[in-house]
């Protein structure tokens, strides 16, 4: 083929190729499903969104907690796994997208062969049965995406990549929230342990006093046994809280990506500050929660897979081209007469598949329905999480206030009972009852205080938002974080 002929062929083929490339796209185009937003909450567009964008863990005013969050973001193994998943999805997107472009391959070969003397002898001069063969070529193959199969596959791969990135952000959200909750619970256990130790000390002193009075005949055995029982009951709480403290430390160490060991302490639970909470529900909640965005990207991928499956009903067209040289002498390989070329096309059309293609389409459509329901469930769960966090914060504030008053009343009751007992007005049972009630109330007050702090954590976790990106920045380039991988980087 001459150069002029090649130019004419290109002039004819290029418009056709442009039309083909812009061909139809099988399968449905994605449209975000409509969701019902609860009308019971006041929606805001600025205030709540801005409040939930802060690094709220710093507002607890505990530098140790802030340090633990940063360490977890750098070393948490779940985050490291999530980053690896993103890297895999990014690579898979590149693999899938490469099918949209022509594939070029180069080849070279050198060999020597001998032909049979009994094969077409009239064409092989005597003594020339053995000869050398040198080849050099470049080949190109291109699958014409007439039905949009490759574009739909690329669309699905892109959505899977974005879903994996949102999955990583979900892990960031979970890790930060878990560290904050675990640390608050640890400080609550520390406080409960202190209460148990102090109560055990005072009850031990009372039990020894009652034993002395009993030995001297100044008090009945029932008072002595009551005091002894109270002491043993409180003393049994000390190793129990010590056990829980160690387990809580190990939990935090695991979140930090470290082996079991002690955890540094900062502020006591009484010194921790409550972070500012947003007023109302951000109207952009559906865009702020990474788990919702992940579910939507999974839905986009499943939607695109339908087009991939439907494309199997139609012909698959591919174009091939080869340009090269072939010669029996290396010195002649790059000379004009040694040039070789070939152009070709091929089409394959499924005729009988025993229902395989139809089943693949049905499978893809069912997968899309599953992804749709998962998306709808994630939206419902988001509103449920937000509502639960709001009600928990409001009610735990009320409960904590009432329990604090109860502790004050029981402290006064205990003091009066001790005074009445010393004056001989009442029996020791009244003192024992007051001591036990106060001990239980103090422990319950700390437990409620911990739940109140955790309700603030859960509220920020339910809202998602800009603080997840701030946490990403804190993580730097540790195991758990990496720069966001955008499909547009390809």
Protein backbone atom coordinates (compact mmCIF):
# COMPACT_ATOMS: atom_id res chain seq x y z
CA UNK A 1 0.00 0.00 0.00
CA UNK A 2 1.38 3.39 -0.98
CA UNK A 3 1.52 6.44 1.29
CA UNK A 4 -1.27 8.05 -0.73
CA UNK A 5 -3.46 4.99 -0.30
CA UNK A 6 -2.81 5.00 3.47
CA UNK A 7 -3.86 8.65 3.68
CA UNK A 8 -7.05 7.94 1.77
CA UNK A 9 -7.85 5.01 4.05
CA UNK A 10 -7.27 7.14 7.14
CA UNK A 11 -9.46 9.93 5.76
CA UNK A 12 -12.31 7.46 5.34
CA UNK A 13 -11.82 5.58 8.60
CA UNK A 14 -11.38 8.51 10.99
CA UNK A 15 -14.94 9.90 10.65
CA UNK A 16 -16.33 6.39 10.90
CA UNK A 17 -14.25 5.75 14.01
CA UNK A 18 -15.49 9.00 15.56
CA UNK A 19 -19.09 7.97 15.00
CA UNK A 20 -18.40 4.53 16.40
CA UNK A 21 -16.62 5.85 19.48
CA UNK A 22 -19.57 8.14 20.18
CA UNK A 23 -21.91 5.19 19.84
CA UNK A 24 -24.73 4.24 22.13
CA UNK A 25 -24.36 3.38 25.78
CA UNK A 26 -26.36 0.37 26.89
CA UNK A 27 -27.77 0.25 30.37
CA UNK A 28 -29.49 2.91 32.50
CA UNK A 29 -27.84 6.24 33.27
CA UNK A 30 -27.47 6.84 37.00
CA UNK A 31 -29.89 9.08 38.86
CA UNK A 32 -29.68 9.58 42.60
CA UNK A 33 -32.68 7.97 44.32
CA UNK A 34 -35.04 10.31 46.13
CA UNK A 35 -34.86 10.07 49.92
CA UNK A 36 -37.24 11.34 52.56
CA UNK A 37 -35.66 13.75 55.04
CA UNK A 38 -37.35 13.83 58.46
CA UNK A 39 -39.23 17.11 58.89
CA UNK A 40 -39.04 16.99 62.68
CA UNK A 41 -35.54 18.47 62.75
CA UNK A 42 -34.65 22.04 62.01
CA UNK A 43 -32.38 22.11 58.99
CA UNK A 44 -29.48 24.53 58.80
CA UNK A 45 -27.04 25.13 55.99
CA UNK A 46 -24.25 27.04 57.71
CA UNK A 47 -24.20 26.91 61.50
CA UNK A 48 -24.47 23.18 62.04
CA UNK A 49 -22.19 22.40 59.12
CA UNK A 50 -19.47 24.78 60.33
CA UNK A 51 -19.70 23.51 63.91
CA UNK A 52 -19.31 19.90 62.81
CA UNK A 53 -16.25 20.73 60.71
CA UNK A 54 -14.01 21.40 63.72
CA UNK A 55 -11.51 18.98 65.26
CA UNK A 56 -13.94 18.38 68.10
CA UNK A 57 -11.67 16.03 70.08
CA UNK A 58 -9.42 19.00 70.85
CA UNK A 59 -12.38 20.69 72.55
CA UNK A 60 -12.27 18.12 75.36
CA UNK A 61 -9.26 20.19 76.52
CA UNK A 62 -7.09 17.13 77.08
CA UNK A 63 -3.74 17.14 75.20
CA UNK A 64 -3.33 13.42 75.86
CA UNK A 65 -6.57 12.62 74.03
CA UNK A 66 -5.50 14.79 71.09
CA UNK A 67 -2.16 12.96 70.97
CA UNK A 68 -3.88 9.56 71.07
CA UNK A 69 -6.09 10.54 68.13
CA UNK A 70 -3.09 11.61 66.06
CA UNK A 71 -1.22 8.41 66.90
CA UNK A 72 -4.20 6.26 65.92
CA UNK A 73 -4.54 8.07 62.59
CA UNK A 74 -0.89 7.36 61.85
CA UNK A 75 -0.68 3.73 62.98
CA UNK A 76 -4.13 2.12 63.12
CA UNK A 77 -4.08 -1.16 61.20
CA UNK A 78 -7.69 -0.94 60.02
CA UNK A 79 -6.79 2.35 58.38
CA UNK A 80 -3.73 0.77 56.80
CA UNK A 81 -5.96 -1.96 55.35
CA UNK A 82 -8.38 0.67 54.04
CA UNK A 83 -5.54 2.53 52.33
CA UNK A 84 -4.38 -0.70 50.68
CA UNK A 85 -7.94 -1.26 49.44
CA UNK A 86 -7.94 2.21 47.88
CA UNK A 87 -4.62 1.51 46.17
CA UNK A 88 -6.00 -1.74 44.76
CA UNK A 89 -9.12 0.01 43.47
CA UNK A 90 -6.98 2.74 41.91
CA UNK A 91 -4.90 0.15 40.09
CA UNK A 92 -8.00 -1.75 38.97
CA UNK A 93 -9.47 1.47 37.59
CA UNK A 94 -6.31 1.96 35.53
CA UNK A 95 -6.52 -1.60 34.24
CA UNK A 96 -10.16 -1.24 33.23
CA UNK A 97 -9.74 2.20 31.67
CA UNK A 98 -6.81 1.03 29.54
CA UNK A 99 -9.23 -1.05 27.43
CA UNK A 100 -10.62 2.19 25.98
CA UNK A 101 -7.38 2.80 24.09
CA UNK A 102 -5.53 0.91 21.34
CA UNK A 103 -3.05 -1.65 22.61
CA UNK A 104 0.37 -1.53 20.94
CA UNK A 105 2.82 -4.43 21.02
CA UNK A 106 6.26 -4.80 19.54
CA UNK A 107 7.82 -8.03 18.41
CA UNK A 108 11.14 -9.27 17.12
CA UNK A 109 12.30 -12.74 16.17
CA UNK A 110 15.27 -14.44 14.59
CA UNK A 111 15.47 -18.05 13.54
CA UNK A 112 16.76 -20.62 11.15
CA UNK A 113 14.75 -23.46 9.74
CA UNK A 114 15.04 -26.25 7.18
CA UNK A 115 12.20 -27.23 4.90
CA UNK A 116 11.51 -30.76 3.79
CA UNK A 117 12.94 -31.71 0.41
CA UNK A 118 9.64 -33.47 -0.26
CA UNK A 119 7.58 -30.29 0.15
CA UNK A 120 6.97 -28.36 -3.06
CA UNK A 121 10.40 -29.31 -4.45
CA UNK A 122 9.82 -27.33 -7.60
CA UNK A 123 9.86 -24.14 -5.51
CA UNK A 124 12.95 -24.92 -3.44
CA UNK A 125 16.22 -24.94 -5.34
CA UNK A 126 18.56 -27.76 -4.33
CA UNK A 127 20.76 -26.80 -1.39
CA UNK A 128 18.40 -24.05 -0.21
CA UNK A 129 16.20 -26.09 2.13
CA UNK A 130 17.75 -24.28 5.17
CA UNK A 131 17.47 -20.51 5.51
CA UNK A 132 17.42 -17.70 8.08
CA UNK A 133 14.36 -15.64 8.99
CA UNK A 134 14.41 -12.23 10.75
CA UNK A 135 11.27 -10.35 11.71
CA UNK A 136 10.51 -7.01 13.36
CA UNK A 137 6.98 -5.64 13.78
CA UNK A 138 4.62 -3.41 15.71
CA UNK A 139 1.02 -4.54 16.10
CA UNK A 140 -2.04 -2.65 17.27
CA UNK A 141 -5.38 -3.96 18.46
CA UNK A 142 -8.44 -1.92 19.32
CA UNK A 143 -11.85 -3.02 20.51
CA UNK A 144 -14.51 -0.69 19.15
CA UNK A 145 -16.74 0.31 22.07
CA UNK A 146 -19.83 0.48 19.90
CA UNK A 147 -22.27 -0.46 22.68
CA UNK A 148 -20.56 1.33 25.55
CA UNK A 149 -19.42 -1.84 27.31
CA UNK A 150 -15.92 -0.54 28.00
CA UNK A 151 -17.19 2.89 29.02
CA UNK A 152 -19.69 1.33 31.42
CA UNK A 153 -16.96 -0.90 32.83
CA UNK A 154 -14.76 2.16 33.34
CA UNK A 155 -17.67 3.98 34.97
CA UNK A 156 -18.10 1.06 37.37
CA UNK A 157 -14.39 0.90 38.15
CA UNK A 158 -14.33 4.63 38.82
CA UNK A 159 -17.27 4.31 41.21
CA UNK A 160 -15.58 1.38 42.96
CA UNK A 161 -12.48 3.52 43.43
CA UNK A 162 -14.49 6.37 44.90
CA UNK A 163 -16.37 3.90 47.10
CA UNK A 164 -13.10 2.54 48.48
CA UNK A 165 -11.96 6.10 49.23
CA UNK A 166 -15.20 6.77 51.10
CA UNK A 167 -14.71 3.48 52.90
CA UNK A 168 -11.32 4.73 54.04
CA UNK A 169 -12.92 7.94 55.31
CA UNK A 170 -15.50 5.85 57.15
CA UNK A 171 -12.67 4.03 58.91
CA UNK A 172 -11.11 7.41 59.81
CA UNK A 173 -14.44 8.46 61.32
CA UNK A 174 -14.72 5.21 63.25
CA UNK A 175 -11.15 5.27 64.56
CA UNK A 176 -11.32 8.85 65.85
CA UNK A 177 -14.70 8.25 67.50
CA UNK A 178 -13.56 4.95 69.00
CA UNK A 179 -10.40 6.44 70.48
CA UNK A 180 -12.33 9.32 72.04
CA UNK A 181 -15.01 7.02 73.46
CA UNK A 182 -12.47 4.52 74.76
CA UNK A 183 -10.42 7.24 76.44
CA UNK A 184 -13.47 8.76 78.14
CA UNK A 185 -14.47 5.30 79.35
CA UNK A 186 -10.93 4.75 80.66
CA UNK A 187 -11.04 7.97 82.67
CA UNK A 188 -14.46 6.95 84.00
CA UNK A 189 -13.07 3.59 85.12
CA UNK A 190 -10.14 5.38 86.76
CA UNK A 191 -12.61 7.52 88.70
CA UNK A 192 -14.72 4.52 89.68
CA UNK A 193 -11.59 2.71 90.82
CA UNK A 194 -10.65 5.70 92.98
CA UNK A 195 -14.14 5.69 94.51
CA UNK A 196 -13.93 1.96 95.20
CA UNK A 197 -10.49 2.29 96.81
CA UNK A 198 -11.56 5.24 98.97
CA UNK A 199 -14.80 3.54 100.00
CA UNK A 200 -12.98 0.30 100.78
CA UNK A 201 -10.56 2.22 102.99
CA UNK A 202 -13.28 3.96 104.98
CA UNK A 203 -15.39 0.80 105.28
CA UNK A 204 -12.33 -1.18 106.36
CA UNK A 205 -11.71 1.31 109.11
CA UNK A 206 -15.37 1.08 110.17
CA UNK A 207 -15.22 -2.73 110.15
CA UNK A 208 -12.15 -2.74 112.38
CA UNK A 209 -13.84 -0.32 114.75
CA UNK A 210 -16.94 -2.50 114.91
CA UNK A 211 -14.80 -5.56 115.59
CA UNK A 212 -13.11 -3.78 118.48
CA UNK A 213 -16.47 -2.69 119.88
CA UNK A 214 -17.80 -6.21 119.47
CA UNK A 215 -14.78 -7.70 121.23
CA UNK A 216 -15.36 -5.26 124.06
CA UNK A 217 -19.05 -6.15 124.22
CA UNK A 218 -20.08 -2.61 123.28
CA UNK A 219 -21.94 -3.57 120.10
CA UNK A 220 -23.90 -6.62 118.94
CA UNK A 221 -22.37 -9.12 116.55
CA UNK A 222 -24.89 -8.13 113.89
CA UNK A 223 -23.35 -4.65 113.65
CA UNK A 224 -19.88 -6.11 113.34
CA UNK A 225 -20.94 -8.61 110.66
CA UNK A 226 -22.81 -5.89 108.76
CA UNK A 227 -19.72 -3.68 108.70
CA UNK A 228 -17.53 -6.61 107.65
CA UNK A 229 -19.91 -7.55 104.82
CA UNK A 230 -19.95 -3.99 103.54
CA UNK A 231 -16.17 -3.87 103.53
CA UNK A 232 -15.83 -7.14 101.61
CA UNK A 233 -18.45 -6.06 99.08
CA UNK A 234 -16.61 -2.81 98.35
CA UNK A 235 -13.21 -4.53 98.38
CA UNK A 236 -14.37 -6.96 95.68
CA UNK A 237 -15.07 -4.00 93.40
CA UNK A 238 -11.43 -2.88 93.44
CA UNK A 239 -9.94 -5.81 91.44
CA UNK A 240 -12.97 -5.73 89.14
CA UNK A 241 -12.32 -2.11 88.21
CA UNK A 242 -8.59 -2.83 87.93
CA UNK A 243 -9.42 -5.59 85.45
CA UNK A 244 -11.63 -3.29 83.40
CA UNK A 245 -8.97 -0.55 83.41
CA UNK A 246 -6.33 -2.89 81.98
CA UNK A 247 -8.71 -4.20 79.32
CA UNK A 248 -9.64 -0.64 78.37
CA UNK A 249 -5.97 0.29 78.08
CA UNK A 250 -5.40 -2.71 75.82
CA UNK A 251 -8.36 -1.65 73.67
CA UNK A 252 -6.90 1.81 73.20
CA UNK A 253 -3.46 0.38 72.44
CA UNK A 254 -5.02 -1.79 69.73
CA UNK A 255 -6.66 1.30 68.21
CA UNK A 256 -3.22 2.92 68.22
CA UNK A 257 -1.80 -0.04 66.30
CA UNK A 258 0.35 -1.07 69.28
CA UNK A 259 0.72 -4.09 71.55
CA UNK A 260 -1.04 -4.17 74.95
CA UNK A 261 0.37 -1.81 77.55
CA UNK A 262 -0.39 1.17 79.77
CA UNK A 263 -1.94 4.38 78.47
CA UNK A 264 -0.86 7.87 79.46
CA UNK A 265 -3.46 9.85 81.38
CA UNK A 266 -4.39 13.50 81.05
CA UNK A 267 -7.39 15.26 82.51
CA UNK A 268 -9.68 13.46 84.93
CA UNK A 269 -13.20 12.86 83.77
CA UNK A 270 -14.34 15.74 85.97
CA UNK A 271 -11.90 18.09 84.20
CA UNK A 272 -12.86 17.14 80.64
CA UNK A 273 -14.80 19.79 78.75
CA UNK A 274 -17.88 19.21 76.66
CA UNK A 275 -17.31 20.18 73.00
CA UNK A 276 -19.65 22.61 71.31
CA UNK A 277 -22.53 20.86 69.63
CA UNK A 278 -24.23 21.92 66.39
CA UNK A 279 -27.75 23.28 66.46
CA UNK A 280 -29.99 21.46 64.06
CA UNK A 281 -29.28 18.98 61.31
CA UNK A 282 -27.10 20.07 58.36
CA UNK A 283 -29.13 19.92 55.18
CA UNK A 284 -26.05 18.44 53.50
CA UNK A 285 -25.98 15.38 55.77
CA UNK A 286 -26.27 13.03 52.77
CA UNK A 287 -23.07 14.52 51.33
CA UNK A 288 -21.25 14.65 54.66
CA UNK A 289 -21.50 11.04 55.79
CA UNK A 290 -18.79 8.94 54.11
CA UNK A 291 -20.77 5.73 54.59
CA UNK A 292 -23.67 7.22 52.62
CA UNK A 293 -21.33 8.41 49.89
CA UNK A 294 -19.75 4.95 49.80
CA UNK A 295 -23.15 3.29 49.44
CA UNK A 296 -24.05 5.67 46.61
CA UNK A 297 -20.83 4.92 44.73
CA UNK A 298 -21.55 1.20 45.10
CA UNK A 299 -24.97 1.89 43.59
CA UNK A 300 -23.38 3.80 40.69
CA UNK A 301 -21.04 0.87 40.04
CA UNK A 302 -23.88 -1.66 40.11
CA UNK A 303 -25.91 0.55 37.77
CA UNK A 304 -23.05 0.67 35.26
CA UNK A 305 -22.54 -3.10 35.45
CA UNK A 306 -25.99 -3.56 33.89
CA UNK A 307 -24.73 -1.89 30.72
CA UNK A 308 -21.68 -4.16 30.70
CA UNK A 309 -23.90 -7.23 30.97
CA UNK A 310 -26.33 -6.08 28.26
CA UNK A 311 -23.49 -5.39 25.83
CA UNK A 312 -22.87 -9.14 25.66
CA UNK A 313 -26.04 -9.45 23.52
CA UNK A 314 -24.38 -7.52 20.68
CA UNK A 315 -21.38 -8.07 18.40
CA UNK A 316 -17.90 -7.38 19.71
CA UNK A 317 -15.87 -5.63 17.02
CA UNK A 318 -12.09 -5.34 17.05
CA UNK A 319 -9.59 -3.80 14.65
CA UNK A 320 -6.04 -5.02 14.12
CA UNK A 321 -3.04 -3.63 12.33
CA UNK A 322 0.53 -4.84 11.89
CA UNK A 323 3.52 -3.03 10.43
CA UNK A 324 6.98 -4.49 10.26
CA UNK A 325 9.73 -6.05 8.23
CA UNK A 326 10.85 -9.58 7.37
CA UNK A 327 14.04 -10.72 5.67
CA UNK A 328 16.40 -13.64 5.38
CA UNK A 329 19.32 -11.26 5.91
CA UNK A 330 19.71 -8.86 8.83
CA UNK A 331 21.28 -6.31 6.50
CA UNK A 332 18.13 -6.27 4.36
CA UNK A 333 15.67 -5.99 7.28
CA UNK A 334 15.28 -2.22 7.10
CA UNK A 335 15.15 -1.97 3.32
CA UNK A 336 11.95 -1.12 1.47
CA UNK A 337 11.25 -4.51 -0.06
CA UNK A 338 11.32 -6.12 3.42
CA UNK A 339 8.33 -4.13 4.67
CA UNK A 340 5.19 -6.00 5.70
CA UNK A 341 1.80 -4.81 6.85
CA UNK A 342 -1.67 -6.07 7.45
CA UNK A 343 -5.00 -4.54 8.40
CA UNK A 344 -7.97 -6.47 9.61
CA UNK A 345 -11.15 -6.50 11.59
CA UNK A 346 -13.12 -9.14 13.41
CA UNK A 347 -16.58 -9.42 14.88
CA UNK A 348 -18.00 -12.00 17.24
CA UNK A 349 -21.70 -12.37 17.95
CA UNK A 350 -23.17 -14.73 20.53
CA UNK A 351 -25.61 -17.08 18.85
CA UNK A 352 -26.37 -19.67 21.51
CA UNK A 353 -25.28 -19.27 25.14
CA UNK A 354 -27.90 -21.42 26.89
CA UNK A 355 -29.23 -18.37 28.73
CA UNK A 356 -25.85 -17.26 30.07
CA UNK A 357 -26.12 -13.66 28.85
CA UNK A 358 -29.69 -13.29 30.07
CA UNK A 359 -28.69 -14.63 33.47
CA UNK A 360 -25.78 -12.21 33.64
CA UNK A 361 -28.13 -9.30 32.97
CA UNK A 362 -30.55 -10.55 35.62
CA UNK A 363 -27.68 -10.91 38.06
CA UNK A 364 -26.53 -7.34 37.38
CA UNK A 365 -30.05 -5.98 37.82
CA UNK A 366 -30.44 -7.86 41.10
CA UNK A 367 -27.08 -6.51 42.27
CA UNK A 368 -28.30 -3.00 41.51
CA UNK A 369 -31.44 -3.56 43.57
CA UNK A 370 -29.29 -4.79 46.43
CA UNK A 371 -27.07 -1.70 46.16
CA UNK A 372 -30.16 0.53 46.07
CA UNK A 373 -31.55 -1.02 49.24
CA UNK A 374 -28.13 -0.71 50.89
CA UNK A 375 -28.05 2.98 49.99
CA UNK A 376 -31.55 3.52 51.36
CA UNK A 377 -30.62 1.64 54.53
CA UNK A 378 -27.49 3.76 55.01
CA UNK A 379 -29.59 6.93 54.75
CA UNK A 380 -32.09 5.61 57.29
CA UNK A 381 -29.26 4.56 59.59
CA UNK A 382 -27.73 8.03 59.32
CA UNK A 383 -30.92 9.73 60.46
CA UNK A 384 -31.35 7.13 63.18
CA UNK A 385 -27.79 7.70 64.43
CA UNK A 386 -28.34 11.45 64.51
CA UNK A 387 -31.69 11.17 66.31
CA UNK A 388 -30.28 8.69 68.84
CA UNK A 389 -27.28 10.92 69.53
CA UNK A 390 -29.52 13.96 70.04
CA UNK A 391 -31.85 12.19 72.45
CA UNK A 392 -28.95 10.57 74.31
CA UNK A 393 -27.26 13.91 74.87
CA UNK A 394 -30.45 15.62 76.04
CA UNK A 395 -31.57 12.82 78.36
CA UNK A 396 -28.14 12.02 79.80
CA UNK A 397 -27.78 15.69 80.72
CA UNK A 398 -31.05 15.43 82.65
CA UNK A 399 -30.11 12.10 84.22
CA UNK A 400 -26.68 13.36 85.22
CA UNK A 401 -28.17 16.45 86.87
CA UNK A 402 -30.65 14.40 88.89
CA UNK A 403 -28.05 11.82 89.89
CA UNK A 404 -25.65 14.55 91.02
CA UNK A 405 -28.39 15.88 93.31
CA UNK A 406 -28.99 12.34 94.56
CA UNK A 407 -25.31 11.91 95.45
CA UNK A 408 -25.37 15.17 97.40
CA UNK A 409 -28.48 14.04 99.28
CA UNK A 410 -26.99 10.63 100.05
CA UNK A 411 -23.76 12.20 101.32
CA UNK A 412 -25.81 14.29 103.73
CA UNK A 413 -27.89 11.24 104.70
CA UNK A 414 -24.72 9.21 105.36
CA UNK A 415 -23.26 11.97 107.54
CA UNK A 416 -26.48 12.22 109.54
CA UNK A 417 -26.68 8.44 109.93
CA UNK A 418 -23.12 8.32 111.28
CA UNK A 419 -23.91 11.16 113.69
CA UNK A 420 -27.12 9.49 114.87
CA UNK A 421 -25.29 6.20 115.39
CA UNK A 422 -22.55 7.82 117.45
CA UNK A 423 -25.20 9.45 119.61
CA UNK A 424 -26.94 6.11 120.07
CA UNK A 425 -30.11 7.22 118.36
CA UNK A 426 -30.06 4.51 115.65
CA UNK A 427 -28.50 1.13 114.92
CA UNK A 428 -25.56 0.52 112.60
CA UNK A 429 -27.84 -0.86 109.87
CA UNK A 430 -28.88 2.69 109.02
CA UNK A 431 -25.23 3.68 108.59
CA UNK A 432 -24.54 0.60 106.47
CA UNK A 433 -27.51 1.31 104.25
CA UNK A 434 -26.46 4.93 103.76
CA UNK A 435 -22.87 3.94 102.94
CA UNK A 436 -23.95 1.33 100.40
CA UNK A 437 -26.45 3.66 98.74
CA UNK A 438 -23.87 6.43 98.48
CA UNK A 439 -21.26 4.05 97.03
CA UNK A 440 -23.63 2.78 94.35
CA UNK A 441 -24.85 6.29 93.52
CA UNK A 442 -21.30 7.61 93.11
CA UNK A 443 -20.42 4.78 90.73
CA UNK A 444 -23.61 5.31 88.73
CA UNK A 445 -22.98 9.06 88.52
CA UNK A 446 -19.56 8.46 86.93
CA UNK A 447 -21.09 5.93 84.53
CA UNK A 448 -23.72 8.46 83.44
CA UNK A 449 -21.04 11.13 83.11
CA UNK A 450 -19.14 8.82 80.76
CA UNK A 451 -22.29 8.13 78.73
CA UNK A 452 -22.92 11.86 78.46
CA UNK A 453 -19.44 12.48 77.05
CA UNK A 454 -19.87 9.60 74.64
CA UNK A 455 -23.19 11.02 73.44
CA UNK A 456 -21.25 14.09 72.25
CA UNK A 457 -18.81 11.82 70.44
CA UNK A 458 -21.68 9.91 68.84
CA UNK A 459 -23.31 13.16 67.73
CA UNK A 460 -20.23 14.25 65.81
CA UNK A 461 -19.81 10.74 64.46
CA UNK A 462 -23.41 10.75 63.23
CA UNK A 463 -22.92 14.05 61.41
CA UNK A 464 -19.65 13.24 59.68
CA UNK A 465 -18.49 16.28 57.77
CA UNK A 466 -15.36 18.31 57.48
CA UNK A 467 -13.77 17.01 60.66
CA UNK A 468 -13.03 13.75 58.86
CA UNK A 469 -10.86 15.68 56.39
CA UNK A 470 -9.16 17.45 59.31
CA UNK A 471 -8.42 14.05 60.83
CA UNK A 472 -6.95 12.98 57.48
CA UNK A 473 -4.58 15.92 57.60
CA UNK A 474 -3.49 15.01 61.12
CA UNK A 475 -2.61 11.51 59.98
CA UNK A 476 0.04 12.81 57.58
CA UNK A 477 1.59 9.97 55.61
CA UNK A 478 1.37 7.21 58.21
CA UNK A 479 -0.02 3.74 57.66
CA UNK A 480 -3.56 4.89 58.03
CA UNK A 481 -3.67 7.81 55.64
CA UNK A 482 -2.68 8.59 52.11
CA UNK A 483 -3.48 11.37 49.67
CA UNK A 484 -6.93 10.95 48.19
CA UNK A 485 -6.73 8.94 44.96
CA UNK A 486 -8.83 10.60 42.30
CA UNK A 487 -9.73 8.83 39.04
CA UNK A 488 -8.84 12.09 37.30
CA UNK A 489 -5.20 11.49 38.25
CA UNK A 490 -5.04 8.85 35.54
